[in-house]
Every structure is written in structure tokens, then in C-alpha cells.
Amino acid sequence: MTLRRASNVHLERHDNWLGRLVRVEIQIGRGHTTFTLDRAHWLEVERDEQPAPVGQEGDRTLWHTAEGWFWEDDGLDAEAVALLLWDRTRRLDARIERLRTIHARDEQIEGARRERIPPEVRAFVWERDDGRCVQCNAEEDLQFDHVIPFSRGGGNAEDNLQILCGSCNRQKSDNIS
């Protein structure tokens, strides 16, 4: 079941010389499709809170709803059109809520990303640890390691940093040493 929004819908009101509505022409697109409704039919369509069929073009029907103008080509009744519009709104609301949740989570992650270790702290730790792994004294594949891992609340203070080689750092993982 498909319900597609009708675009470029233009209403042209035709009044008699007393200013009383006689008919309404509904043009869709660039004049390709036009429906003419007499006064009684238009007033019924306009005040109806339920979707109202306005006209038929081939196998498709133009519907007027509180949400706008829609085409459908499955021979639906007003209740089915109303349910499809309700479902569309419900899905859109759920999608927006999901996006709000994802956006909030992304903002939390962005805020939780660690700051780079300041150059002066890196230089101090390098000098203090003599440019070697504090576990095995290796001088290659050296990395700055957080004694209390960042994921567990550790920061970039000098006393929370040490130099480890890649092997010792992987072995330590996110444990507190």
C-alpha cells in the first residue's frame, strides 16, 4: 500500500458575482491534472476531519487530508488512508526519537574523548622514566600508558603516566598497575 504526497497542488476558487463560492479547481503540477469540485462537494471535503477522496486519474485517487494532499493507487478507503498517515507519523516520531538518542550518545562520546597529553607532561614523563619501558627496560616501540586507564577515570597527570613498550602495554590492557 502506497501513499505519496501530491506536490504542486494549487487551488483556484471561482465565485459568483455575489462573492459566493461556486466551484473549486484543483490543479496538480503544471496543469497536467485538474479536478473541479462544486461548492457542496468542496465544503464537504474541506470540513471533513477524515481523509476525503477528491478525484480519480486513471488508477490513482487524490486524497485531501489534514496533513495535505496524497495520491494512492491501491483503491483504499478513507479509514485505510487515515491509518497509513497515522503509521507514517508514528514511524517518523519513532525515527526522530531514535536520532535524538543517537545524537545524545554521540555527544556523550565526543565529550568523553580523552585530551591529548600536553607536550610538557610527555617530556617530564619521558625524562622521569629515562626513555625506557618501566617494566622491561625496552627502548623500542615505546608508548605512553595511563596507570589508571582513561576508561576508568584516569587522567593525564604526570603521576598517572608511565612509559611502556608495546608488548608490556598490550599485556597490561586496561588493568590498573
N, C-alpha and C. Protein backbone atom coordinates (compact mmCIF):
# COMPACT_ATOMS: atom_id res chain seq x y z
N MET A 1 0.83 -1.17 0.00
CA MET A 1 0.00 0.00 0.00
C MET A 1 0.88 1.23 0.00
N THR A 2 0.65 2.07 -0.96
CA THR A 2 1.48 3.27 -1.06
C THR A 2 0.62 4.52 -0.97
N LEU A 3 1.19 5.49 -0.35
CA LEU A 3 0.56 6.80 -0.21
C LEU A 3 1.66 7.80 -0.47
N ARG A 4 1.55 8.56 -1.54
CA ARG A 4 2.58 9.52 -1.92
C ARG A 4 2.03 10.93 -1.83
N ARG A 5 2.83 11.82 -1.28
CA ARG A 5 2.41 13.22 -1.17
C ARG A 5 2.29 13.80 -2.58
N ALA A 6 1.19 14.50 -2.83
CA ALA A 6 0.99 15.18 -4.10
C ALA A 6 1.68 16.54 -4.02
N SER A 7 2.51 16.83 -4.98
CA SER A 7 3.24 18.10 -4.94
C SER A 7 2.63 19.10 -5.92
N ASN A 8 2.90 20.33 -5.69
CA ASN A 8 2.43 21.42 -6.55
C ASN A 8 0.91 21.43 -6.72
N VAL A 9 0.20 21.34 -5.60
CA VAL A 9 -1.26 21.40 -5.65
C VAL A 9 -1.68 22.86 -5.49
N HIS A 10 -2.46 23.33 -6.44
CA HIS A 10 -2.93 24.72 -6.41
C HIS A 10 -4.45 24.73 -6.46
N LEU A 11 -5.04 25.52 -5.60
CA LEU A 11 -6.50 25.67 -5.58
C LEU A 11 -6.86 26.99 -6.23
N GLU A 12 -7.88 26.93 -7.07
CA GLU A 12 -8.40 28.15 -7.68
C GLU A 12 -9.88 28.22 -7.37
N ARG A 13 -10.25 29.25 -6.67
CA ARG A 13 -11.63 29.40 -6.21
C ARG A 13 -12.38 30.24 -7.24
N HIS A 14 -13.57 29.78 -7.59
CA HIS A 14 -14.43 30.52 -8.53
C HIS A 14 -15.71 30.92 -7.80
N ASP A 15 -15.92 32.22 -7.69
CA ASP A 15 -17.09 32.76 -7.00
C ASP A 15 -18.07 33.35 -8.02
N ASN A 16 -19.31 33.44 -7.61
CA ASN A 16 -20.29 34.13 -8.47
C ASN A 16 -20.16 35.64 -8.23
N TRP A 17 -20.98 36.42 -8.87
CA TRP A 17 -20.87 37.88 -8.78
C TRP A 17 -21.18 38.41 -7.39
N LEU A 18 -21.79 37.56 -6.52
CA LEU A 18 -22.07 37.97 -5.14
C LEU A 18 -20.94 37.57 -4.19
N GLY A 19 -19.92 36.94 -4.74
CA GLY A 19 -18.79 36.52 -3.92
C GLY A 19 -19.00 35.18 -3.26
N ARG A 20 -20.02 34.48 -3.68
CA ARG A 20 -20.31 33.17 -3.10
C ARG A 20 -19.61 32.09 -3.93
N LEU A 21 -18.98 31.16 -3.23
CA LEU A 21 -18.24 30.08 -3.90
C LEU A 21 -19.17 29.26 -4.79
N VAL A 22 -18.71 29.05 -6.01
CA VAL A 22 -19.46 28.24 -6.95
C VAL A 22 -18.75 26.90 -7.15
N ARG A 23 -17.43 26.97 -7.38
CA ARG A 23 -16.66 25.74 -7.59
C ARG A 23 -15.19 26.00 -7.23
N VAL A 24 -14.45 24.91 -7.06
CA VAL A 24 -13.02 24.97 -6.79
C VAL A 24 -12.33 24.09 -7.81
N GLU A 25 -11.29 24.63 -8.44
CA GLU A 25 -10.46 23.83 -9.34
C GLU A 25 -9.17 23.50 -8.61
N ILE A 26 -8.84 22.23 -8.63
CA ILE A 26 -7.61 21.76 -8.00
C ILE A 26 -6.68 21.34 -9.12
N GLN A 27 -5.57 22.03 -9.23
CA GLN A 27 -4.58 21.72 -10.27
C GLN A 27 -3.36 21.11 -9.61
N ILE A 28 -2.89 20.02 -10.18
CA ILE A 28 -1.71 19.34 -9.66
C ILE A 28 -0.63 19.44 -10.72
N GLY A 29 0.54 19.86 -10.29
CA GLY A 29 1.65 20.03 -11.24
C GLY A 29 1.41 21.26 -12.08
N ARG A 30 1.84 21.19 -13.30
CA ARG A 30 1.72 22.34 -14.21
C ARG A 30 0.48 22.20 -15.08
N GLY A 31 -0.64 22.01 -14.42
CA GLY A 31 -1.89 21.93 -15.14
C GLY A 31 -2.14 20.58 -15.80
N HIS A 32 -1.31 19.59 -15.48
CA HIS A 32 -1.49 18.26 -16.09
C HIS A 32 -2.76 17.59 -15.60
N THR A 33 -3.08 17.77 -14.32
CA THR A 33 -4.27 17.16 -13.75
C THR A 33 -5.09 18.24 -13.08
N THR A 34 -6.37 18.29 -13.41
CA THR A 34 -7.26 19.27 -12.81
C THR A 34 -8.55 18.57 -12.40
N PHE A 35 -8.97 18.85 -11.18
CA PHE A 35 -10.25 18.36 -10.68
C PHE A 35 -11.11 19.57 -10.38
N THR A 36 -12.39 19.50 -10.74
CA THR A 36 -13.32 20.58 -10.44
C THR A 36 -14.37 20.04 -9.48
N LEU A 37 -14.51 20.73 -8.35
CA LEU A 37 -15.49 20.32 -7.35
C LEU A 37 -16.54 21.43 -7.21
N ASP A 38 -17.80 21.03 -7.19
CA ASP A 38 -18.83 22.03 -6.95
C ASP A 38 -18.78 22.46 -5.49
N ARG A 39 -19.52 23.50 -5.18
CA ARG A 39 -19.48 24.10 -3.84
C ARG A 39 -19.76 23.09 -2.75
N ALA A 40 -20.81 22.30 -2.90
CA ALA A 40 -21.20 21.35 -1.86
C ALA A 40 -20.12 20.30 -1.62
N HIS A 41 -19.58 19.75 -2.70
CA HIS A 41 -18.54 18.72 -2.56
C HIS A 41 -17.28 19.32 -1.91
N TRP A 42 -16.88 20.53 -2.35
CA TRP A 42 -15.68 21.15 -1.77
C TRP A 42 -15.87 21.43 -0.28
N LEU A 43 -17.02 21.95 0.12
CA LEU A 43 -17.25 22.25 1.53
C LEU A 43 -17.23 20.97 2.37
N GLU A 44 -17.73 19.89 1.80
CA GLU A 44 -17.69 18.60 2.49
C GLU A 44 -16.24 18.12 2.66
N VAL A 45 -15.46 18.22 1.59
CA VAL A 45 -14.04 17.81 1.64
C VAL A 45 -13.28 18.67 2.63
N GLU A 46 -13.52 19.97 2.59
CA GLU A 46 -12.77 20.91 3.42
C GLU A 46 -13.04 20.74 4.91
N ARG A 47 -14.27 20.44 5.30
CA ARG A 47 -14.58 20.36 6.72
C ARG A 47 -14.41 18.95 7.28
N ASP A 48 -14.31 17.96 6.41
CA ASP A 48 -14.19 16.57 6.86
C ASP A 48 -12.84 16.37 7.56
N GLU A 49 -12.88 15.84 8.77
CA GLU A 49 -11.64 15.58 9.52
C GLU A 49 -10.95 14.32 9.05
N GLN A 50 -11.69 13.45 8.41
CA GLN A 50 -11.12 12.22 7.85
C GLN A 50 -10.62 12.51 6.43
N PRO A 51 -9.71 11.69 5.92
CA PRO A 51 -9.29 11.85 4.53
C PRO A 51 -10.50 11.76 3.60
N ALA A 52 -10.51 12.62 2.58
CA ALA A 52 -11.63 12.63 1.64
C ALA A 52 -11.10 12.50 0.22
N PRO A 53 -11.69 11.59 -0.56
CA PRO A 53 -11.26 11.48 -1.96
C PRO A 53 -11.73 12.70 -2.74
N VAL A 54 -10.84 13.23 -3.57
CA VAL A 54 -11.16 14.43 -4.33
C VAL A 54 -11.42 14.11 -5.79
N GLY A 55 -10.62 13.21 -6.33
CA GLY A 55 -10.79 12.87 -7.73
C GLY A 55 -9.94 11.67 -8.09
N GLN A 56 -10.21 11.17 -9.28
CA GLN A 56 -9.51 9.98 -9.74
C GLN A 56 -8.85 10.29 -11.09
N GLU A 57 -7.63 9.81 -11.25
CA GLU A 57 -6.91 9.92 -12.52
C GLU A 57 -6.37 8.54 -12.83
N GLY A 58 -6.97 7.87 -13.76
CA GLY A 58 -6.57 6.50 -14.07
C GLY A 58 -6.84 5.61 -12.88
N ASP A 59 -5.80 4.91 -12.42
CA ASP A 59 -5.94 4.01 -11.27
C ASP A 59 -5.67 4.68 -9.93
N ARG A 60 -5.30 5.93 -9.96
CA ARG A 60 -4.95 6.57 -8.69
C ARG A 60 -6.00 7.58 -8.26
N THR A 61 -6.05 7.77 -6.93
CA THR A 61 -7.03 8.67 -6.33
C THR A 61 -6.29 9.76 -5.57
N LEU A 62 -6.76 10.99 -5.71
CA LEU A 62 -6.21 12.11 -4.95
C LEU A 62 -7.04 12.27 -3.69
N TRP A 63 -6.34 12.32 -2.53
CA TRP A 63 -7.00 12.46 -1.23
C TRP A 63 -6.61 13.79 -0.60
N HIS A 64 -7.59 14.43 0.04
CA HIS A 64 -7.33 15.62 0.84
C HIS A 64 -7.38 15.19 2.30
N THR A 65 -6.34 15.55 3.06
CA THR A 65 -6.27 15.20 4.47
C THR A 65 -5.81 16.42 5.26
N ALA A 66 -5.88 16.32 6.56
CA ALA A 66 -5.36 17.40 7.41
C ALA A 66 -3.87 17.58 7.21
N GLU A 67 -3.17 16.51 6.81
CA GLU A 67 -1.72 16.56 6.58
C GLU A 67 -1.35 17.04 5.19
N GLY A 68 -2.34 17.19 4.30
CA GLY A 68 -2.06 17.65 2.95
C GLY A 68 -2.74 16.80 1.90
N TRP A 69 -2.18 16.80 0.71
CA TRP A 69 -2.73 16.11 -0.45
C TRP A 69 -1.90 14.87 -0.73
N PHE A 70 -2.57 13.75 -1.03
CA PHE A 70 -1.87 12.49 -1.26
C PHE A 70 -2.50 11.72 -2.41
N TRP A 71 -1.64 11.04 -3.14
CA TRP A 71 -2.08 10.10 -4.18
C TRP A 71 -1.99 8.69 -3.63
N GLU A 72 -2.94 7.85 -3.99
CA GLU A 72 -2.84 6.42 -3.69
C GLU A 72 -3.41 5.66 -4.88
N ASP A 73 -2.85 4.49 -5.13
CA ASP A 73 -3.28 3.72 -6.30
C ASP A 73 -3.66 2.28 -5.96
N ASP A 74 -4.10 2.07 -4.71
CA ASP A 74 -4.47 0.72 -4.28
C ASP A 74 -5.97 0.59 -4.02
N GLY A 75 -6.76 1.61 -4.36
CA GLY A 75 -8.20 1.54 -4.12
C GLY A 75 -8.55 1.55 -2.65
N LEU A 76 -7.83 2.32 -1.86
CA LEU A 76 -8.05 2.36 -0.41
C LEU A 76 -9.29 3.18 -0.06
N ASP A 77 -9.84 2.88 1.12
CA ASP A 77 -10.93 3.70 1.62
C ASP A 77 -10.36 4.73 2.60
N ALA A 78 -11.21 5.63 3.09
CA ALA A 78 -10.77 6.71 3.96
C ALA A 78 -10.10 6.20 5.24
N GLU A 79 -10.61 5.12 5.80
CA GLU A 79 -10.02 4.56 7.02
C GLU A 79 -8.60 4.07 6.75
N ALA A 80 -8.38 3.40 5.64
CA ALA A 80 -7.06 2.88 5.30
C ALA A 80 -6.07 4.04 5.07
N VAL A 81 -6.52 5.09 4.39
CA VAL A 81 -5.66 6.26 4.17
C VAL A 81 -5.31 6.90 5.51
N ALA A 82 -6.29 7.04 6.40
CA ALA A 82 -6.03 7.62 7.73
C ALA A 82 -5.04 6.77 8.51
N LEU A 83 -5.17 5.44 8.43
CA LEU A 83 -4.24 4.56 9.14
C LEU A 83 -2.83 4.66 8.57
N LEU A 84 -2.72 4.75 7.25
CA LEU A 84 -1.39 4.90 6.64
C LEU A 84 -0.74 6.22 7.06
N LEU A 85 -1.52 7.28 7.13
CA LEU A 85 -0.97 8.56 7.58
C LEU A 85 -0.58 8.50 9.06
N TRP A 86 -1.41 7.84 9.86
CA TRP A 86 -1.08 7.67 11.28
C TRP A 86 0.22 6.88 11.42
N ASP A 87 0.36 5.80 10.64
CA ASP A 87 1.57 4.98 10.69
C ASP A 87 2.79 5.78 10.25
N ARG A 88 2.63 6.60 9.22
CA ARG A 88 3.73 7.45 8.74
C ARG A 88 4.18 8.40 9.83
N THR A 89 3.23 9.01 10.52
CA THR A 89 3.56 9.94 11.61
C THR A 89 4.22 9.19 12.77
N ARG A 90 3.67 8.03 13.11
CA ARG A 90 4.22 7.23 14.21
C ARG A 90 5.66 6.82 13.90
N ARG A 91 5.92 6.38 12.68
CA ARG A 91 7.28 5.97 12.30
C ARG A 91 8.24 7.15 12.29
N LEU A 92 7.76 8.28 11.80
CA LEU A 92 8.59 9.48 11.79
C LEU A 92 8.94 9.90 13.21
N ASP A 93 7.95 9.89 14.11
CA ASP A 93 8.20 10.24 15.51
C ASP A 93 9.21 9.28 16.14
N ALA A 94 9.06 7.97 15.86
CA ALA A 94 9.99 6.99 16.41
C ALA A 94 11.39 7.20 15.85
N ARG A 95 11.48 7.51 14.56
CA ARG A 95 12.79 7.74 13.94
C ARG A 95 13.46 8.97 14.54
N ILE A 96 12.69 10.03 14.72
CA ILE A 96 13.25 11.25 15.32
C ILE A 96 13.71 10.97 16.75
N GLU A 97 12.94 10.23 17.51
CA GLU A 97 13.34 9.89 18.88
C GLU A 97 14.63 9.05 18.88
N ARG A 98 14.70 8.09 17.95
CA ARG A 98 15.92 7.28 17.82
C ARG A 98 17.12 8.16 17.47
N LEU A 99 16.93 9.10 16.54
CA LEU A 99 18.01 10.01 16.16
C LEU A 99 18.42 10.90 17.32
N ARG A 100 17.45 11.34 18.13
CA ARG A 100 17.80 12.13 19.32
C ARG A 100 18.68 11.32 20.27
N THR A 101 18.33 10.05 20.46
CA THR A 101 19.10 9.18 21.34
C THR A 101 20.51 8.99 20.80
N ILE A 102 20.62 8.71 19.52
CA ILE A 102 21.93 8.52 18.89
C ILE A 102 22.75 9.79 18.98
N HIS A 103 22.13 10.93 18.72
CA HIS A 103 22.84 12.21 18.78
C HIS A 103 23.34 12.48 20.19
N ALA A 104 22.50 12.23 21.19
CA ALA A 104 22.91 12.45 22.59
C ALA A 104 24.06 11.52 22.95
N ARG A 105 23.99 10.26 22.50
CA ARG A 105 25.06 9.31 22.77
C ARG A 105 26.36 9.76 22.11
N ASP A 106 26.27 10.26 20.86
CA ASP A 106 27.46 10.75 20.17
C ASP A 106 28.06 11.94 20.90
N GLU A 107 27.19 12.82 21.42
CA GLU A 107 27.70 13.97 22.17
C GLU A 107 28.40 13.52 23.45
N GLN A 108 27.86 12.48 24.11
CA GLN A 108 28.50 11.95 25.32
C GLN A 108 29.87 11.37 24.97
N ILE A 109 29.92 10.62 23.88
CA ILE A 109 31.19 10.01 23.47
C ILE A 109 32.19 11.10 23.11
N GLU A 110 31.71 12.11 22.37
CA GLU A 110 32.59 13.22 21.99
C GLU A 110 33.14 13.91 23.23
N GLY A 111 32.28 14.13 24.24
CA GLY A 111 32.71 14.78 25.46
C GLY A 111 33.64 13.90 26.29
N ALA A 112 33.52 12.59 26.13
CA ALA A 112 34.34 11.67 26.92
C ALA A 112 35.69 11.37 26.27
N ARG A 113 35.87 11.79 25.03
CA ARG A 113 37.14 11.52 24.37
C ARG A 113 38.27 12.19 25.14
N ARG A 114 39.34 11.48 25.23
CA ARG A 114 40.44 11.99 26.03
C ARG A 114 41.17 13.13 25.33
N GLU A 115 41.72 13.97 26.17
CA GLU A 115 42.53 15.07 25.66
C GLU A 115 43.93 14.52 25.35
N ARG A 116 44.60 15.17 24.45
CA ARG A 116 45.98 14.79 24.18
C ARG A 116 46.84 15.11 25.41
N ILE A 117 47.82 14.28 25.61
CA ILE A 117 48.75 14.54 26.73
C ILE A 117 49.55 15.78 26.37
N PRO A 118 49.54 16.77 27.24
CA PRO A 118 50.28 18.01 26.95
C PRO A 118 51.77 17.73 26.73
N PRO A 119 52.41 18.46 25.81
CA PRO A 119 53.83 18.23 25.49
C PRO A 119 54.75 18.30 26.71
N GLU A 120 54.46 19.24 27.63
CA GLU A 120 55.34 19.37 28.80
C GLU A 120 55.22 18.15 29.73
N VAL A 121 54.02 17.55 29.81
CA VAL A 121 53.83 16.35 30.62
C VAL A 121 54.54 15.18 29.96
N ARG A 122 54.42 15.07 28.64
CA ARG A 122 55.10 13.99 27.90
C ARG A 122 56.63 14.08 28.12
N ALA A 123 57.14 15.31 28.04
CA ALA A 123 58.59 15.49 28.21
C ALA A 123 59.01 15.10 29.63
N PHE A 124 58.23 15.51 30.65
CA PHE A 124 58.56 15.17 32.03
C PHE A 124 58.57 13.66 32.25
N VAL A 125 57.50 12.96 31.75
CA VAL A 125 57.39 11.50 31.94
C VAL A 125 58.53 10.80 31.19
N TRP A 126 58.87 11.28 30.01
CA TRP A 126 59.96 10.68 29.23
C TRP A 126 61.27 10.78 30.01
N GLU A 127 61.54 11.96 30.55
CA GLU A 127 62.77 12.15 31.33
C GLU A 127 62.75 11.31 32.60
N ARG A 128 61.62 11.32 33.32
CA ARG A 128 61.50 10.57 34.57
C ARG A 128 61.72 9.08 34.37
N ASP A 129 61.15 8.53 33.28
CA ASP A 129 61.27 7.09 33.02
C ASP A 129 62.49 6.75 32.17
N ASP A 130 63.33 7.74 31.94
CA ASP A 130 64.61 7.58 31.24
C ASP A 130 64.43 7.04 29.82
N GLY A 131 63.27 7.32 29.21
CA GLY A 131 63.04 6.92 27.81
C GLY A 131 63.05 5.41 27.61
N ARG A 132 62.63 4.65 28.64
CA ARG A 132 62.60 3.18 28.57
C ARG A 132 61.29 2.67 29.16
N CYS A 133 60.95 1.43 28.77
CA CYS A 133 59.79 0.76 29.34
C CYS A 133 60.05 0.54 30.83
N VAL A 134 59.11 0.96 31.68
CA VAL A 134 59.30 0.81 33.12
C VAL A 134 59.18 -0.65 33.56
N GLN A 135 58.67 -1.55 32.71
CA GLN A 135 58.52 -2.96 33.04
C GLN A 135 59.76 -3.78 32.65
N CYS A 136 60.18 -3.61 31.36
CA CYS A 136 61.25 -4.50 30.86
C CYS A 136 62.47 -3.75 30.35
N ASN A 137 62.51 -2.43 30.49
CA ASN A 137 63.62 -1.58 30.07
C ASN A 137 63.86 -1.56 28.55
N ALA A 138 62.86 -1.98 27.77
CA ALA A 138 62.99 -1.93 26.30
C ALA A 138 63.08 -0.47 25.87
N GLU A 139 63.77 -0.25 24.73
CA GLU A 139 63.94 1.10 24.22
C GLU A 139 63.25 1.29 22.87
N GLU A 140 62.49 0.29 22.43
CA GLU A 140 61.79 0.37 21.14
C GLU A 140 60.29 0.21 21.34
N ASP A 141 59.51 0.72 20.38
CA ASP A 141 58.05 0.64 20.40
C ASP A 141 57.49 1.15 21.72
N LEU A 142 57.99 2.32 22.14
CA LEU A 142 57.57 2.89 23.42
C LEU A 142 56.28 3.68 23.28
N GLN A 143 55.45 3.58 24.34
CA GLN A 143 54.14 4.22 24.34
C GLN A 143 53.87 4.82 25.71
N PHE A 144 53.13 5.90 25.73
CA PHE A 144 52.68 6.47 27.00
C PHE A 144 51.48 5.66 27.46
N ASP A 145 51.50 5.24 28.72
CA ASP A 145 50.43 4.43 29.28
C ASP A 145 49.86 5.13 30.50
N HIS A 146 48.54 5.04 30.65
CA HIS A 146 47.89 5.57 31.84
C HIS A 146 47.90 4.47 32.91
N VAL A 147 48.46 4.76 34.07
CA VAL A 147 48.49 3.80 35.17
C VAL A 147 47.05 3.43 35.53
N ILE A 148 46.23 4.42 35.80
CA ILE A 148 44.79 4.20 35.93
C ILE A 148 44.23 4.54 34.55
N PRO A 149 43.71 3.54 33.84
CA PRO A 149 43.27 3.76 32.46
C PRO A 149 42.26 4.91 32.36
N PHE A 150 42.34 5.58 31.23
CA PHE A 150 41.44 6.68 30.97
C PHE A 150 39.98 6.23 31.07
N SER A 151 39.71 5.00 30.60
CA SER A 151 38.35 4.45 30.63
C SER A 151 37.85 4.24 32.05
N ARG A 152 38.76 4.23 33.02
CA ARG A 152 38.36 4.05 34.42
C ARG A 152 38.54 5.32 35.24
N GLY A 153 38.66 6.43 34.53
CA GLY A 153 38.71 7.72 35.22
C GLY A 153 40.09 8.32 35.38
N GLY A 154 41.11 7.65 34.87
CA GLY A 154 42.47 8.18 34.97
C GLY A 154 42.64 9.39 34.06
N GLY A 155 43.50 10.28 34.46
CA GLY A 155 43.72 11.50 33.68
C GLY A 155 45.12 11.56 33.10
N ASN A 156 45.50 12.75 32.66
CA ASN A 156 46.80 12.96 32.02
C ASN A 156 47.82 13.59 32.97
N ALA A 157 47.65 13.40 34.26
CA ALA A 157 48.61 13.94 35.22
C ALA A 157 49.91 13.14 35.16
N GLU A 158 51.01 13.78 35.50
CA GLU A 158 52.34 13.14 35.42
C GLU A 158 52.41 11.86 36.23
N ASP A 159 51.78 11.85 37.41
CA ASP A 159 51.85 10.66 38.26
C ASP A 159 50.94 9.53 37.79
N ASN A 160 50.11 9.77 36.76
CA ASN A 160 49.26 8.72 36.22
C ASN A 160 49.79 8.21 34.87
N LEU A 161 50.95 8.67 34.46
CA LEU A 161 51.52 8.25 33.18
C LEU A 161 52.83 7.53 33.38
N GLN A 162 53.08 6.58 32.50
CA GLN A 162 54.34 5.84 32.51
C GLN A 162 54.67 5.47 31.07
N ILE A 163 55.94 5.07 30.86
CA ILE A 163 56.36 4.61 29.54
C ILE A 163 56.36 3.09 29.55
N LEU A 164 55.68 2.48 28.56
CA LEU A 164 55.68 1.03 28.39
C LEU A 164 56.00 0.73 26.93
N CYS A 165 56.61 -0.42 26.69
CA CYS A 165 56.78 -0.87 25.31
C CYS A 165 55.43 -1.43 24.85
N GLY A 166 55.28 -1.62 23.55
CA GLY A 166 54.02 -2.10 23.01
C GLY A 166 53.59 -3.42 23.62
N SER A 167 54.55 -4.35 23.79
CA SER A 167 54.24 -5.67 24.33
C SER A 167 53.73 -5.57 25.78
N CYS A 168 54.43 -4.81 26.61
CA CYS A 168 54.00 -4.66 28.01
C CYS A 168 52.67 -3.91 28.10
N ASN A 169 52.46 -2.93 27.22
CA ASN A 169 51.21 -2.18 27.23
C ASN A 169 50.03 -3.07 26.85
N ARG A 170 50.21 -3.93 25.83
CA ARG A 170 49.14 -4.86 25.45
C ARG A 170 48.86 -5.86 26.56
N GLN A 171 49.91 -6.30 27.24
CA GLN A 171 49.74 -7.26 28.34
C GLN A 171 48.99 -6.62 29.50
N LYS A 172 49.28 -5.35 29.77
CA LYS A 172 48.60 -4.64 30.85
C LYS A 172 47.13 -4.39 30.48
N SER A 173 46.84 -4.13 29.21
CA SER A 173 45.50 -3.87 28.69
C SER A 173 44.90 -2.69 29.45
N ASP A 174 43.68 -2.82 29.98
CA ASP A 174 43.08 -1.71 30.72
C ASP A 174 43.06 -1.99 32.23
N ASN A 175 44.01 -2.83 32.65
CA ASN A 175 44.13 -3.10 34.08
C ASN A 175 44.85 -1.95 34.77
N ILE A 176 44.67 -1.88 36.07
CA ILE A 176 45.37 -0.86 36.84
C ILE A 176 46.65 -1.50 37.37
N SER A 177 47.78 -0.87 37.04
CA SER A 177 49.03 -1.46 37.53
C SER A 177 49.59 -0.67 38.69
